[in-house]
PDB file of N, CA and C in Angstrom:
ATOM      1  N   ASP A   1      85.222 -10.626-177.105  1.00  0.00           N
ATOM      2  CA  ASP A   1      83.979  -9.988-177.540  1.00  0.00           C
ATOM      3  C   ASP A   1      83.745 -10.307-179.020  1.00  0.00           C
ATOM      4  N   PRO A   2      82.653 -10.970-179.333  1.00  0.00           N
ATOM      5  CA  PRO A   2      82.410 -11.370-180.733  1.00  0.00           C
ATOM      6  C   PRO A   2      82.299 -10.183-181.692  1.00  0.00           C
ATOM      7  N   ARG A   3      81.864  -9.016-181.181  1.00  0.00           N
ATOM      8  CA  ARG A   3      81.734  -7.854-182.074  1.00  0.00           C
ATOM      9  C   ARG A   3      83.093  -7.370-182.563  1.00  0.00           C
ATOM     10  N   VAL A   4      84.092  -7.403-181.690  1.00  0.00           N
ATOM     11  CA  VAL A   4      85.440  -6.999-182.091  1.00  0.00           C
ATOM     12  C   VAL A   4      85.928  -7.967-183.158  1.00  0.00           C
ATOM     13  N   ASN A   5      85.703  -9.252-182.930  1.00  0.00           N
ATOM     14  CA  ASN A   5      86.082 -10.278-183.883  1.00  0.00           C
ATOM     15  C   ASN A   5      85.357 -10.071-185.208  1.00  0.00           C
ATOM     16  N   ALA A   6      84.070  -9.748-185.153  1.00  0.00           N
ATOM     17  CA  ALA A   6      83.277  -9.522-186.368  1.00  0.00           C
ATOM     18  C   ALA A   6      83.861  -8.368-187.165  1.00  0.00           C
ATOM     19  N   LYS A   7      84.302  -7.332-186.464  1.00  0.00           N
ATOM     20  CA  LYS A   7      84.883  -6.176-187.153  1.00  0.00           C
ATOM     21  C   LYS A   7      86.185  -6.573-187.852  1.00  0.00           C
ATOM     22  N   ALA A   8      87.011  -7.353-187.165  1.00  0.00           N
ATOM     23  CA  ALA A   8      88.271  -7.804-187.751  1.00  0.00           C
ATOM     24  C   ALA A   8      88.000  -8.668-188.980  1.00  0.00           C
ATOM     25  N   VAL A   9      87.022  -9.552-188.867  1.00  0.00           N
ATOM     26  CA  VAL A   9      86.659 -10.424-189.986  1.00  0.00           C
ATOM     27  C   VAL A   9      86.135  -9.581-191.144  1.00  0.00           C
ATOM     28  N   THR A  10      85.254  -8.609-190.834  1.00  0.00           N
ATOM     29  CA  THR A  10      84.696  -7.752-191.876  1.00  0.00           C
ATOM     30  C   THR A  10      85.804  -7.002-192.596  1.00  0.00           C
ATOM     31  N   ARG A  11      86.724  -6.417-191.828  1.00  0.00           N
ATOM     32  CA  ARG A  11      87.832  -5.660-192.421  1.00  0.00           C
ATOM     33  C   ARG A  11      88.660  -6.574-193.318  1.00  0.00           C
ATOM     34  N   SER A  12      88.946  -7.779-192.840  1.00  0.00           N
ATOM     35  CA  SER A  12      89.750  -8.736-193.592  1.00  0.00           C
ATOM     36  C   SER A  12      89.048  -9.135-194.894  1.00  0.00           C
ATOM     37  N   VAL A  13      87.752  -9.400-194.814  1.00  0.00           N
ATOM     38  CA  VAL A  13      86.971  -9.781-195.998  1.00  0.00           C
ATOM     39  C   VAL A  13      86.948  -8.626-196.995  1.00  0.00           C
ATOM     40  N   LEU A  14      86.726  -7.413-196.490  1.00  0.00           N
ATOM     41  CA  LEU A  14      86.683  -6.233-197.361  1.00  0.00           C
ATOM     42  C   LEU A  14      88.025  -6.010-198.043  1.00  0.00           C
ATOM     43  N   GLU A  15      89.105  -6.141-197.281  1.00  0.00           N
ATOM     44  CA  GLU A  15      90.438  -5.938-197.860  1.00  0.00           C
ATOM     45  C   GLU A  15      90.713  -6.963-198.951  1.00  0.00           C
ATOM     46  N   ARG A  16      90.345  -8.222-198.702  1.00  0.00           N
ATOM     47  CA  ARG A  16      90.541  -9.262-199.718  1.00  0.00           C
ATOM     48  C   ARG A  16      89.719  -8.957-200.965  1.00  0.00           C
ATOM     49  N   ALA A  17      88.456  -8.562-200.749  1.00  0.00           N
ATOM     50  CA  ALA A  17      87.566  -8.271-201.877  1.00  0.00           C
ATOM     51  C   ALA A  17      88.106  -7.114-202.707  1.00  0.00           C
ATOM     52  N   LEU A  18      88.591  -6.080-202.027  1.00  0.00           N
ATOM     53  CA  LEU A  18      89.069  -4.892-202.746  1.00  0.00           C
ATOM     54  C   LEU A  18      90.374  -5.151-203.492  1.00  0.00           C
ATOM     55  N   ASN A  19      91.053  -6.245-203.165  1.00  0.00           N
ATOM     56  CA  ASN A  19      92.276  -6.626-203.885  1.00  0.00           C
ATOM     57  C   ASN A  19      92.003  -7.700-204.934  1.00  0.00           C
ATOM     58  N   ASP A  20      90.725  -8.044-205.126  1.00  0.00           N
ATOM     59  CA  ASP A  20      90.330  -9.090-206.068  1.00  0.00           C
ATOM     60  C   ASP A  20      89.812  -8.436-207.353  1.00  0.00           C
ATOM     61  N   PRO A  21      90.586  -8.549-208.454  1.00  0.00           N
ATOM     62  CA  PRO A  21      90.162  -7.904-209.706  1.00  0.00           C
ATOM     63  C   PRO A  21      88.786  -8.365-210.181  1.00  0.00           C
ATOM     64  N   MET A  22      88.447  -9.638-209.958  1.00  0.00           N
ATOM     65  CA  MET A  22      87.136 -10.130-210.400  1.00  0.00           C
ATOM     66  C   MET A  22      86.018  -9.448-209.620  1.00  0.00           C
ATOM     67  N   PHE A  23      86.233  -9.234-208.335  1.00  0.00           N
ATOM     68  CA  PHE A  23      85.239  -8.532-207.515  1.00  0.00           C
ATOM     69  C   PHE A  23      85.042  -7.117-208.055  1.00  0.00           C
ATOM     70  N   LEU A  24      86.163  -6.418-208.300  1.00  0.00           N
ATOM     71  CA  LEU A  24      86.081  -5.038-208.788  1.00  0.00           C
ATOM     72  C   LEU A  24      85.424  -4.979-210.165  1.00  0.00           C
ATOM     73  N   LEU A  25      85.742  -5.952-211.033  1.00  0.00           N
ATOM     74  CA  LEU A  25      85.115  -5.992-212.365  1.00  0.00           C
ATOM     75  C   LEU A  25      83.622  -6.251-212.260  1.00  0.00           C
ATOM     76  N   THR A  26      83.246  -7.163-211.370  1.00  0.00           N
ATOM     77  CA  THR A  26      81.824  -7.468-211.162  1.00  0.00           C
ATOM     78  C   THR A  26      81.092  -6.236-210.659  1.00  0.00           C
ATOM     79  N   MET A  27      81.694  -5.542-209.698  1.00  0.00           N
ATOM     80  CA  MET A  27      81.083  -4.319-209.176  1.00  0.00           C
ATOM     81  C   MET A  27      80.956  -3.279-210.287  1.00  0.00           C
ATOM     82  N   ALA A  28      82.022  -3.096-211.069  1.00  0.00           N
ATOM     83  CA  ALA A  28      82.015  -2.113-212.157  1.00  0.00           C
ATOM     84  C   ALA A  28      80.923  -2.453-213.172  1.00  0.00           C
ATOM     85  N   ALA A  29      80.752  -3.746-213.456  1.00  0.00           N
ATOM     86  CA  ALA A  29      79.723  -4.182-214.405  1.00  0.00           C
ATOM     87  C   ALA A  29      78.330  -3.839-213.893  1.00  0.00           C
ATOM     88  N   ASN A  30      78.201  -3.732-212.579  1.00  0.00           N
ATOM     89  CA  ASN A  30      76.912  -3.383-211.976  1.00  0.00           C
ATOM     90  C   ASN A  30      76.821  -1.893-211.644  1.00  0.00           C
ATOM     91  N   GLY A  31      77.770  -1.122-212.155  1.00  0.00           N
ATOM     92  CA  GLY A  31      77.734   0.326-211.978  1.00  0.00           C
ATOM     93  C   GLY A  31      78.182   0.806-210.610  1.00  0.00           C
ATOM     94  N   VAL A  32      78.907  -0.044-209.877  1.00  0.00           N
ATOM     95  CA  VAL A  32      79.402   0.346-208.553  1.00  0.00           C
ATOM     96  C   VAL A  32      80.871   0.752-208.696  1.00  0.00           C
ATOM     97  N   THR A  33      81.181   1.973-208.338  1.00  0.00           N
ATOM     98  CA  THR A  33      82.559   2.459-208.463  1.00  0.00           C
ATOM     99  C   THR A  33      83.341   2.177-207.179  1.00  0.00           C
ATOM    100  N   PRO A  34      84.673   2.202-207.253  1.00  0.00           N
ATOM    101  CA  PRO A  34      85.461   2.055-206.025  1.00  0.00           C
ATOM    102  C   PRO A  34      85.074   3.097-204.975  1.00  0.00           C
ATOM    103  N   GLY A  35      84.706   4.299-205.411  1.00  0.00           N
ATOM    104  CA  GLY A  35      84.252   5.339-204.480  1.00  0.00           C
ATOM    105  C   GLY A  35      83.001   4.922-203.733  1.00  0.00           C
ATOM    106  N   ASP A  36      82.067   4.280-204.461  1.00  0.00           N
ATOM    107  CA  ASP A  36      80.835   3.779-203.830  1.00  0.00           C
ATOM    108  C   ASP A  36      81.189   2.731-202.783  1.00  0.00           C
ATOM    109  N   ILE A  37      82.098   1.832-203.142  1.00  0.00           N
ATOM    110  CA  ILE A  37      82.503   0.758-202.231  1.00  0.00           C
ATOM    111  C   ILE A  37      83.109   1.363-200.968  1.00  0.00           C
ATOM    112  N   GLU A  38      83.924   2.399-201.148  1.00  0.00           N
ATOM    113  CA  GLU A  38      84.563   3.065-200.007  1.00  0.00           C
ATOM    114  C   GLU A  38      83.509   3.622-199.049  1.00  0.00           C
ATOM    115  N   ILE A  39      82.471   4.252-199.610  1.00  0.00           N
ATOM    116  CA  ILE A  39      81.390   4.815-198.789  1.00  0.00           C
ATOM    117  C   ILE A  39      80.672   3.692-198.036  1.00  0.00           C
ATOM    118  N   ILE A  40      80.375   2.598-198.732  1.00  0.00           N
ATOM    119  CA  ILE A  40      79.670   1.466-198.117  1.00  0.00           C
ATOM    120  C   ILE A  40      80.517   0.884-196.986  1.00  0.00           C
ATOM    121  N   VAL A  41      81.809   0.700-197.243  1.00  0.00           N
ATOM    122  CA  VAL A  41      82.727   0.153-196.237  1.00  0.00           C
ATOM    123  C   VAL A  41      82.754   1.055-195.007  1.00  0.00           C
ATOM    124  N   LYS A  42      82.834   2.374-195.235  1.00  0.00           N
ATOM    125  CA  LYS A  42      82.846   3.333-194.132  1.00  0.00           C
ATOM    126  C   LYS A  42      81.576   3.197-193.300  1.00  0.00           C
ATOM    127  N   GLU A  43      80.441   3.058-193.988  1.00  0.00           N
ATOM    128  CA  GLU A  43      79.163   2.921-193.286  1.00  0.00           C
ATOM    129  C   GLU A  43      79.119   1.639-192.469  1.00  0.00           C
ATOM    130  N   ILE A  44      79.651   0.554-193.015  1.00  0.00           N
ATOM    131  CA  ILE A  44      79.682  -0.726-192.292  1.00  0.00           C
ATOM    132  C   ILE A  44      80.529  -0.579-191.031  1.00  0.00           C
ATOM    133  N   ILE A  45      81.711   0.021-191.164  1.00  0.00           N
ATOM    134  CA  ILE A  45      82.611   0.165-190.018  1.00  0.00           C
ATOM    135  C   ILE A  45      81.997   1.082-188.964  1.00  0.00           C
ATOM    136  N   GLU A  46      81.360   2.178-189.404  1.00  0.00           N
ATOM    137  CA  GLU A  46      80.684   3.077-188.456  1.00  0.00           C
ATOM    138  C   GLU A  46      79.561   2.346-187.729  1.00  0.00           C
ATOM    139  N   TYR A  47      78.811   1.528-188.470  1.00  0.00           N
ATOM    140  CA  TYR A  47      77.721   0.755-187.865  1.00  0.00           C
ATOM    141  C   TYR A  47      78.275  -0.200-186.807  1.00  0.00           C
ATOM    142  N   LEU A  48      79.369  -0.880-187.138  1.00  0.00           N
ATOM    143  CA  LEU A  48      79.977  -1.812-186.183  1.00  0.00           C
ATOM    144  C   LEU A  48      80.459  -1.078-184.933  1.00  0.00           C
ATOM    145  N   GLU A  49      81.050   0.103-185.118  1.00  0.00           N
ATOM    146  CA  GLU A  49      81.501   0.915-183.978  1.00  0.00           C
ATOM    147  C   GLU A  49      80.311   1.287-183.094  1.00  0.00           C
ATOM    148  N   LYS A  50      79.225   1.732-183.743  1.00  0.00           N
ATOM    149  CA  LYS A  50      78.036   2.183-183.017  1.00  0.00           C
ATOM    150  C   LYS A  50      77.419   1.037-182.212  1.00  0.00           C
ATOM    151  N   THR A  51      77.272  -0.129-182.847  1.00  0.00           N
ATOM    152  CA  THR A  51      76.655  -1.262-182.148  1.00  0.00           C
ATOM    153  C   THR A  51      77.550  -1.736-181.009  1.00  0.00           C
ATOM    154  N   LYS A  52      78.869  -1.628-181.198  1.00  0.00           N
ATOM    155  CA  LYS A  52      79.806  -2.016-180.141  1.00  0.00           C
ATOM    156  C   LYS A  52      79.647  -1.077-178.941  1.00  0.00           C
ATOM    157  N   GLN A  53      79.568   0.229-179.201  1.00  0.00           N
ATOM    158  CA  GLN A  53      79.409   1.211-178.126  1.00  0.00           C
ATOM    159  C   GLN A  53      78.081   1.009-177.404  1.00  0.00           C
ATOM    160  N   GLU A  54      77.022   0.727-178.166  1.00  0.00           N
ATOM    161  CA  GLU A  54      75.707   0.501-177.553  1.00  0.00           C
ATOM    162  C   GLU A  54      75.743  -0.731-176.654  1.00  0.00           C
ATOM    163  N   ALA A  55      76.422  -1.771-177.107  1.00  0.00           N
ATOM    164  CA  ALA A  55      76.506  -3.004-176.334  1.00  0.00           C
ATOM    165  C   ALA A  55      77.294  -2.791-175.041  1.00  0.00           C
ATOM    166  N   GLU A  56      78.293  -1.915-175.120  1.00  0.00           N
ATOM    167  CA  GLU A  56      79.114  -1.651-173.936  1.00  0.00           C
ATOM    168  C   GLU A  56      78.417  -0.696-172.971  1.00  0.00           C
ATOM    169  N   GLY A  57      77.327  -0.075-173.433  1.00  0.00           N
ATOM    170  CA  GLY A  57      76.570   0.844-172.584  1.00  0.00           C
ATOM    171  C   GLY A  57      77.126   2.224-172.697  1.00  0.00           C
TER     172      GLY A  57
END
């Protein structure tokens, strides 16, 4: 199922980004805190869960 794969890829990309100091510095320079990123990540994962459930019926 490509959606499961997409979720794994998204999680992997997010984990790499959150361990990248340049990413965190860039976000901080734009006024985005780690807390904001956490909320956004949660929303992305919830969205992926929802679309997966809808696709499965």
